[in-house]
Amino acid sequence: MKFELGRCLLQERLEERGMSREALAGALLYKPERLADYIENKRLMPLKTAISIADTVGCSVNELYELIPAIKGIERDVK
């Protein structure tokens, strides 16, 4: 089955683990603004970044975004 990415769920994963954006940014040597861009759906995480974030936060890569089943022939726009 094909999926489209919905909104980023990183903020929810951080809250579940009691972790701040700043703590995650520090652990991965990223700027907090970069994480904010992902959380606010301004940028999509590259796969390598998503793997690093998921490993650090303690979740699977699939848990970082809403996964929306794609309907054949219909494209969805993520905002």
N, C-alpha and C. Protein backbone atom coordinates (compact mmCIF):
# COMPACT_ATOMS: atom_id res chain seq x y z
N MET A 1 0.84 -1.17 0.00
CA MET A 1 0.00 0.00 0.00
C MET A 1 0.89 1.24 0.00
N LYS A 2 0.48 2.23 -0.75
CA LYS A 2 1.22 3.49 -0.83
C LYS A 2 0.66 4.46 0.21
N PHE A 3 1.56 5.23 0.83
CA PHE A 3 1.16 6.20 1.83
C PHE A 3 1.67 7.59 1.46
N GLU A 4 0.96 8.59 1.90
CA GLU A 4 1.39 9.98 1.84
C GLU A 4 1.71 10.39 3.27
N LEU A 5 2.63 11.34 3.40
CA LEU A 5 2.95 11.84 4.74
C LEU A 5 1.97 12.94 5.12
N GLY A 6 1.43 12.82 6.32
CA GLY A 6 0.59 13.86 6.89
C GLY A 6 1.45 14.77 7.74
N ARG A 7 0.88 15.25 8.82
CA ARG A 7 1.62 16.19 9.66
C ARG A 7 2.68 15.46 10.48
N CYS A 8 3.69 16.20 10.85
CA CYS A 8 4.78 15.68 11.66
C CYS A 8 4.29 15.46 13.09
N LEU A 9 4.65 14.34 13.68
CA LEU A 9 4.25 13.99 15.04
C LEU A 9 5.41 14.07 16.03
N LEU A 10 6.49 14.71 15.64
CA LEU A 10 7.66 14.76 16.51
C LEU A 10 7.36 15.43 17.84
N GLN A 11 6.60 16.52 17.85
CA GLN A 11 6.30 17.19 19.11
C GLN A 11 5.56 16.24 20.06
N GLU A 12 4.64 15.45 19.54
CA GLU A 12 3.91 14.48 20.37
C GLU A 12 4.85 13.43 20.94
N ARG A 13 5.80 12.94 20.11
CA ARG A 13 6.75 11.93 20.59
C ARG A 13 7.63 12.53 21.69
N LEU A 14 8.05 13.78 21.52
CA LEU A 14 8.88 14.44 22.53
C LEU A 14 8.11 14.58 23.84
N GLU A 15 6.86 15.01 23.76
CA GLU A 15 6.04 15.18 24.96
C GLU A 15 5.83 13.86 25.68
N GLU A 16 5.61 12.78 24.93
CA GLU A 16 5.43 11.46 25.53
C GLU A 16 6.65 11.03 26.33
N ARG A 17 7.81 11.46 25.90
CA ARG A 17 9.06 11.05 26.57
C ARG A 17 9.61 12.12 27.51
N GLY A 18 8.89 13.23 27.64
CA GLY A 18 9.34 14.30 28.52
C GLY A 18 10.63 14.95 28.05
N MET A 19 10.81 15.02 26.75
CA MET A 19 12.03 15.57 26.17
C MET A 19 11.71 16.89 25.47
N SER A 20 12.61 17.84 25.56
CA SER A 20 12.40 19.13 24.89
C SER A 20 13.06 19.12 23.51
N ARG A 21 12.63 20.05 22.69
CA ARG A 21 13.26 20.22 21.37
C ARG A 21 14.74 20.54 21.55
N GLU A 22 15.02 21.37 22.54
CA GLU A 22 16.41 21.79 22.76
C GLU A 22 17.28 20.61 23.16
N ALA A 23 16.73 19.71 23.99
CA ALA A 23 17.50 18.52 24.41
C ALA A 23 17.77 17.62 23.21
N LEU A 24 16.76 17.43 22.36
CA LEU A 24 16.94 16.61 21.16
C LEU A 24 17.95 17.26 20.22
N ALA A 25 17.82 18.56 20.02
CA ALA A 25 18.76 19.28 19.15
C ALA A 25 20.19 19.14 19.67
N GLY A 26 20.36 19.27 20.98
CA GLY A 26 21.69 19.13 21.57
C GLY A 26 22.25 17.73 21.40
N ALA A 27 21.41 16.73 21.59
CA ALA A 27 21.87 15.34 21.46
C ALA A 27 22.32 15.01 20.05
N LEU A 28 21.68 15.64 19.06
CA LEU A 28 21.98 15.35 17.66
C LEU A 28 22.86 16.41 16.99
N LEU A 29 23.21 17.45 17.76
CA LEU A 29 23.99 18.57 17.24
C LEU A 29 23.27 19.27 16.08
N TYR A 30 21.94 19.42 16.21
CA TYR A 30 21.12 20.15 15.25
C TYR A 30 20.74 21.48 15.87
N LYS A 31 20.42 22.46 15.04
CA LYS A 31 19.86 23.70 15.55
C LYS A 31 18.39 23.46 15.91
N PRO A 32 17.93 24.01 17.04
CA PRO A 32 16.51 23.85 17.40
C PRO A 32 15.56 24.35 16.31
N GLU A 33 16.00 25.35 15.55
CA GLU A 33 15.17 25.88 14.47
C GLU A 33 14.90 24.82 13.40
N ARG A 34 15.87 23.96 13.18
CA ARG A 34 15.71 22.89 12.19
C ARG A 34 14.60 21.94 12.65
N LEU A 35 14.61 21.58 13.92
CA LEU A 35 13.55 20.71 14.45
C LEU A 35 12.20 21.42 14.40
N ALA A 36 12.19 22.71 14.68
CA ALA A 36 10.94 23.48 14.61
C ALA A 36 10.37 23.45 13.19
N ASP A 37 11.23 23.52 12.18
CA ASP A 37 10.77 23.44 10.79
C ASP A 37 10.09 22.11 10.51
N TYR A 38 10.63 21.02 11.05
CA TYR A 38 9.99 19.71 10.86
C TYR A 38 8.65 19.67 11.59
N ILE A 39 8.64 20.11 12.83
CA ILE A 39 7.44 20.06 13.66
C ILE A 39 6.33 20.92 13.06
N GLU A 40 6.69 22.05 12.49
CA GLU A 40 5.70 22.96 11.90
C GLU A 40 5.41 22.64 10.44
N ASN A 41 5.91 21.51 9.96
CA ASN A 41 5.68 21.04 8.58
C ASN A 41 6.18 22.01 7.52
N LYS A 42 7.25 22.73 7.84
CA LYS A 42 7.88 23.61 6.85
C LYS A 42 8.89 22.84 6.01
N ARG A 43 9.41 21.75 6.58
CA ARG A 43 10.39 20.88 5.89
C ARG A 43 10.08 19.44 6.23
N LEU A 44 10.36 18.54 5.29
CA LEU A 44 10.27 17.11 5.57
C LEU A 44 11.64 16.63 6.03
N MET A 45 11.64 15.70 6.96
CA MET A 45 12.91 15.13 7.43
C MET A 45 13.48 14.21 6.36
N PRO A 46 14.74 14.38 6.04
CA PRO A 46 15.40 13.37 5.21
C PRO A 46 15.43 12.04 5.98
N LEU A 47 15.49 10.94 5.28
CA LEU A 47 15.44 9.62 5.92
C LEU A 47 16.53 9.46 6.97
N LYS A 48 17.77 9.85 6.69
CA LYS A 48 18.85 9.70 7.66
C LYS A 48 18.56 10.51 8.93
N THR A 49 17.99 11.68 8.77
CA THR A 49 17.63 12.51 9.92
C THR A 49 16.52 11.85 10.72
N ALA A 50 15.50 11.34 10.02
CA ALA A 50 14.37 10.68 10.69
C ALA A 50 14.85 9.46 11.48
N ILE A 51 15.78 8.71 10.93
CA ILE A 51 16.32 7.54 11.63
C ILE A 51 17.06 7.98 12.89
N SER A 52 17.87 9.03 12.79
CA SER A 52 18.61 9.53 13.95
C SER A 52 17.66 10.06 15.03
N ILE A 53 16.64 10.80 14.61
CA ILE A 53 15.67 11.34 15.56
C ILE A 53 14.91 10.21 16.23
N ALA A 54 14.41 9.26 15.44
CA ALA A 54 13.65 8.14 16.00
C ALA A 54 14.50 7.36 17.00
N ASP A 55 15.74 7.11 16.67
CA ASP A 55 16.63 6.37 17.58
C ASP A 55 16.84 7.13 18.88
N THR A 56 17.05 8.43 18.78
CA THR A 56 17.30 9.25 19.97
C THR A 56 16.05 9.39 20.83
N VAL A 57 14.90 9.54 20.20
CA VAL A 57 13.64 9.72 20.93
C VAL A 57 13.11 8.38 21.45
N GLY A 58 13.47 7.30 20.79
CA GLY A 58 13.00 5.98 21.21
C GLY A 58 11.67 5.59 20.59
N CYS A 59 11.53 5.86 19.30
CA CYS A 59 10.32 5.48 18.59
C CYS A 59 10.73 4.94 17.22
N SER A 60 9.77 4.50 16.45
CA SER A 60 10.07 4.06 15.09
C SER A 60 9.94 5.25 14.15
N VAL A 61 10.57 5.16 13.00
CA VAL A 61 10.48 6.22 12.00
C VAL A 61 9.02 6.44 11.61
N ASN A 62 8.24 5.38 11.54
CA ASN A 62 6.82 5.48 11.17
C ASN A 62 6.02 6.32 12.15
N GLU A 63 6.52 6.47 13.37
CA GLU A 63 5.79 7.23 14.38
C GLU A 63 6.09 8.73 14.34
N LEU A 64 6.90 9.16 13.39
CA LEU A 64 7.27 10.58 13.30
C LEU A 64 6.33 11.39 12.42
N TYR A 65 5.52 10.73 11.60
CA TYR A 65 4.56 11.40 10.74
C TYR A 65 3.25 10.63 10.71
N GLU A 66 2.16 11.37 10.49
CA GLU A 66 0.90 10.70 10.19
C GLU A 66 1.09 10.02 8.84
N LEU A 67 0.62 8.80 8.72
CA LEU A 67 0.69 8.08 7.46
C LEU A 67 -0.73 7.97 6.91
N ILE A 68 -0.94 8.55 5.74
CA ILE A 68 -2.26 8.59 5.14
C ILE A 68 -2.26 7.68 3.92
N PRO A 69 -3.15 6.67 3.90
CA PRO A 69 -3.21 5.81 2.71
C PRO A 69 -3.51 6.66 1.47
N ALA A 70 -2.71 6.47 0.44
CA ALA A 70 -2.90 7.22 -0.81
C ALA A 70 -4.05 6.58 -1.59
N ILE A 71 -4.90 7.44 -2.09
CA ILE A 71 -5.99 6.96 -2.93
C ILE A 71 -5.50 7.02 -4.36
N LYS A 72 -5.63 5.91 -5.06
CA LYS A 72 -5.10 5.81 -6.41
C LYS A 72 -5.62 6.96 -7.28
N GLY A 73 -4.67 7.67 -7.89
CA GLY A 73 -5.02 8.75 -8.80
C GLY A 73 -5.25 10.09 -8.14
N ILE A 74 -5.17 10.15 -6.80
CA ILE A 74 -5.40 11.42 -6.10
C ILE A 74 -4.14 11.77 -5.32
N GLU A 75 -3.62 12.95 -5.56
CA GLU A 75 -2.46 13.44 -4.82
C GLU A 75 -2.96 14.28 -3.66
N ARG A 76 -2.28 14.21 -2.52
CA ARG A 76 -2.63 15.03 -1.36
C ARG A 76 -1.53 16.04 -1.14
N ASP A 77 -1.90 17.23 -0.72
CA ASP A 77 -0.94 18.29 -0.43
C ASP A 77 -0.83 18.44 1.07
N VAL A 78 0.38 18.33 1.62
CA VAL A 78 0.61 18.46 3.06
C VAL A 78 0.90 19.92 3.37
N LYS A 79 0.17 20.49 4.29
CA LYS A 79 0.37 21.89 4.70
C LYS A 79 0.70 21.93 6.16
